[in-house]
Amino acid sequence: MSEQINAPLVKIQPWSETDLPLLQLLNAPEMTEHLGGPETEEQVTARHRRYVDNAGGTGCMFSVILLPEAISVGSVGYWDRVWQGETVYEIGWSILPAFQGKGIASAAVTEVITRCRTEQKHKSIHAFPSVNNPASNAICRKLSFTLVSECDFEYPPGSIMKCNDWRLELAPEK
């Protein structure tokens, strides 16, 4: 059984120039199994640049830091997406294998949800984990996302994967 990490021992910080080595680790085959496989070095470098520059101008990518050691153990982020005719936030995360199953992803995702609620820009946030990714689907259930449906989702561009569409309301209905 995995040791649980307490949420106060996890923080997120905006993606920076120094996070390229973390992104390279997150690009390993075992980390991208549910995302269509690893990207090329050029693709990883371009992704890093987009994260640092916030190229789309929406949302933000963060490195996930385990305290008190200040170890970078993963990433989490959110961005705008038009989904089924509605502009929503999309959220995604990835935690290195040695740190999975300890509550780190849940704590990091919770921090991003709090930021999205503070922005009050969209009324919901969606996660689209592969139907074959039990860990990410479990995080959605744990954090009270509602399973909307199974769906076809294009990721990476040009490739369709079967995902679950999980939705979390950010503001109470008026």
Protein backbone atom coordinates (compact mmCIF):
# COMPACT_ATOMS: atom_id res chain seq x y z
CA MET A 1 0.00 0.00 0.00
CA SER A 2 1.32 3.44 -0.92
CA GLU A 3 2.09 6.05 1.70
CA GLN A 4 -0.26 9.02 1.36
CA ILE A 5 1.27 12.48 1.03
CA ASN A 6 -0.57 15.27 2.84
CA ALA A 7 -1.82 18.06 0.60
CA PRO A 8 0.16 20.79 2.42
CA LEU A 9 3.35 19.01 1.30
CA VAL A 10 2.53 19.63 -2.35
CA LYS A 11 2.68 22.97 -4.13
CA ILE A 12 2.40 24.07 -7.72
CA GLN A 13 4.50 26.77 -9.33
CA PRO A 14 4.23 28.29 -12.79
CA TRP A 15 6.24 26.45 -15.44
CA SER A 16 9.70 27.97 -15.91
CA GLU A 17 12.81 27.67 -18.08
CA THR A 18 14.31 25.25 -15.54
CA ASP A 19 11.48 22.71 -16.02
CA LEU A 20 12.66 21.27 -19.37
CA PRO A 21 14.39 18.26 -17.69
CA LEU A 22 11.11 17.46 -15.89
CA LEU A 23 9.19 17.57 -19.16
CA GLN A 24 11.76 15.22 -20.71
CA LEU A 25 11.18 12.75 -17.83
CA LEU A 26 7.41 13.06 -18.28
CA ASN A 27 7.88 12.15 -21.97
CA ALA A 28 9.01 8.59 -21.14
CA PRO A 29 7.07 5.70 -22.73
CA GLU A 30 5.53 4.61 -19.41
CA MET A 31 4.37 8.21 -18.81
CA THR A 32 2.81 8.67 -22.24
CA GLU A 33 1.21 5.23 -22.61
CA HIS A 34 -2.30 6.74 -22.42
CA LEU A 35 -1.37 9.80 -24.52
CA GLY A 36 -0.26 8.28 -27.80
CA GLY A 37 3.37 7.66 -26.84
CA PRO A 38 6.45 9.85 -26.44
CA GLU A 39 7.04 12.97 -28.46
CA THR A 40 10.25 13.68 -30.35
CA GLU A 41 12.88 15.86 -28.69
CA GLU A 42 11.85 18.71 -31.00
CA GLN A 43 8.20 18.33 -29.95
CA VAL A 44 9.16 18.30 -26.26
CA THR A 45 11.26 21.44 -26.70
CA ALA A 46 8.38 23.18 -28.52
CA ARG A 47 5.93 22.10 -25.79
CA HIS A 48 8.29 23.46 -23.12
CA ARG A 49 8.50 26.76 -24.98
CA ARG A 50 4.66 26.97 -25.15
CA TYR A 51 4.42 26.24 -21.42
CA VAL A 52 6.98 28.92 -20.53
CA ASP A 53 5.58 31.52 -22.94
CA ASN A 54 1.93 30.60 -22.30
CA ALA A 55 1.63 30.70 -26.09
CA GLY A 56 -2.15 30.39 -26.16
CA GLY A 57 -2.57 33.07 -23.51
CA THR A 58 -5.13 30.99 -21.66
CA GLY A 59 -4.65 28.96 -18.52
CA CYS A 60 -1.29 28.01 -17.10
CA MET A 61 1.04 25.04 -16.74
CA PHE A 62 2.67 24.30 -13.40
CA SER A 63 5.37 22.04 -12.09
CA VAL A 64 4.27 19.97 -9.11
CA ILE A 65 6.70 20.32 -6.20
CA LEU A 66 6.99 17.91 -3.29
CA LEU A 67 7.93 19.64 -0.03
CA PRO A 68 9.95 20.01 2.08
CA GLU A 69 12.56 18.59 -0.33
CA ALA A 70 11.42 20.90 -3.17
CA ILE A 71 11.55 18.04 -5.69
CA SER A 72 9.80 18.50 -9.04
CA VAL A 73 7.60 15.40 -9.40
CA GLY A 74 5.19 16.23 -12.21
CA SER A 75 3.05 18.74 -14.04
CA VAL A 76 -0.50 20.02 -13.91
CA GLY A 77 -2.22 22.66 -15.96
CA TYR A 78 -5.41 24.12 -17.33
CA TRP A 79 -6.39 25.93 -20.49
CA ASP A 80 -9.46 27.13 -22.37
CA ARG A 81 -11.19 24.71 -24.73
CA VAL A 82 -14.40 24.85 -26.68
CA TRP A 83 -16.19 21.61 -25.89
CA GLN A 84 -19.60 20.78 -27.33
CA GLY A 85 -20.29 24.44 -28.08
CA GLU A 86 -19.28 25.73 -24.64
CA THR A 87 -16.01 27.36 -23.59
CA VAL A 88 -14.70 25.47 -20.58
CA TYR A 89 -11.42 24.83 -18.83
CA GLU A 90 -9.60 21.61 -19.62
CA ILE A 91 -7.23 20.18 -17.03
CA GLY A 92 -4.42 17.68 -17.35
CA TRP A 93 -1.73 16.26 -15.09
CA SER A 94 1.19 13.85 -15.01
CA ILE A 95 3.18 12.60 -12.00
CA LEU A 96 6.46 10.67 -12.22
CA PRO A 97 6.07 6.93 -11.45
CA ALA A 98 8.04 6.96 -8.18
CA PHE A 99 5.58 9.53 -6.78
CA GLN A 100 2.29 8.09 -8.06
CA GLY A 101 -0.34 6.69 -5.69
CA LYS A 102 0.56 9.07 -2.87
CA GLY A 103 -2.13 11.72 -3.28
CA ILE A 104 0.21 14.17 -5.02
CA ALA A 105 -1.83 14.46 -8.24
CA SER A 106 -5.05 14.94 -6.27
CA ALA A 107 -3.48 17.73 -4.23
CA ALA A 108 -2.07 19.45 -7.34
CA VAL A 109 -5.34 19.16 -9.27
CA THR A 110 -7.20 20.57 -6.24
CA GLU A 111 -4.91 23.63 -6.28
CA VAL A 112 -5.62 24.21 -9.97
CA ILE A 113 -9.38 23.85 -9.42
CA THR A 114 -9.14 26.48 -6.68
CA ARG A 115 -7.34 28.85 -9.10
CA CYS A 116 -9.99 28.28 -11.76
CA ARG A 117 -12.78 28.99 -9.27
CA THR A 118 -11.02 32.22 -8.27
CA GLU A 119 -10.79 33.36 -11.91
CA GLN A 120 -14.56 32.93 -12.31
CA LYS A 121 -14.07 32.78 -16.08
CA HIS A 122 -15.84 29.50 -16.96
CA LYS A 123 -18.52 27.57 -15.14
CA SER A 124 -16.89 24.16 -15.50
CA ILE A 125 -13.64 22.27 -15.89
CA HIS A 126 -13.26 19.03 -17.85
CA ALA A 127 -10.72 16.24 -17.69
CA PHE A 128 -10.37 13.73 -20.52
CA PRO A 129 -8.38 10.72 -19.27
CA SER A 130 -8.16 7.67 -21.49
CA VAL A 131 -10.77 5.04 -20.66
CA ASN A 132 -7.75 2.77 -20.11
CA ASN A 133 -6.15 5.02 -17.48
CA PRO A 134 -7.60 3.83 -14.16
CA ALA A 135 -5.43 6.12 -12.01
CA SER A 136 -6.50 9.38 -13.70
CA ASN A 137 -10.13 8.29 -13.78
CA ALA A 138 -9.90 7.53 -10.03
CA ILE A 139 -8.59 11.05 -9.37
CA CYS A 140 -11.61 12.50 -11.18
CA ARG A 141 -13.96 10.38 -9.05
CA LYS A 142 -12.09 11.27 -5.84
CA LEU A 143 -12.34 15.01 -6.58
CA SER A 144 -16.10 14.85 -7.30
CA PHE A 145 -15.99 15.28 -11.06
CA THR A 146 -19.11 13.91 -12.76
CA LEU A 147 -18.64 11.35 -15.51
CA VAL A 148 -20.50 12.83 -18.48
CA SER A 149 -19.78 10.15 -21.08
CA GLU A 150 -17.19 8.20 -22.98
CA CYS A 151 -16.05 10.18 -26.01
CA ASP A 152 -13.69 10.26 -28.95
CA PHE A 153 -10.97 12.79 -28.27
CA GLU A 154 -8.24 13.99 -30.62
CA TYR A 155 -4.87 13.70 -28.89
CA PRO A 156 -2.23 13.97 -30.00
CA PRO A 157 -3.34 15.98 -33.03
CA GLY A 158 -4.33 13.61 -35.81
CA SER A 159 -4.99 10.68 -33.46
CA ILE A 160 -8.36 9.79 -31.94
CA MET A 161 -8.44 8.13 -28.51
CA LYS A 162 -11.31 6.85 -26.35
CA CYS A 163 -11.60 9.06 -23.27
CA ASN A 164 -13.94 9.70 -20.42
CA ASP A 165 -15.38 13.22 -20.28
CA TRP A 166 -15.34 14.24 -16.60
CA ARG A 167 -16.93 17.57 -15.64
CA LEU A 168 -16.67 19.60 -12.44
CA GLU A 169 -18.90 22.60 -11.87
CA LEU A 170 -16.84 25.55 -10.66
CA ALA A 171 -19.64 27.82 -9.48
CA PRO A 172 -22.98 27.02 -7.91
CA GLU A 173 -25.94 27.21 -10.26
CA LYS A 174 -27.72 30.58 -10.02
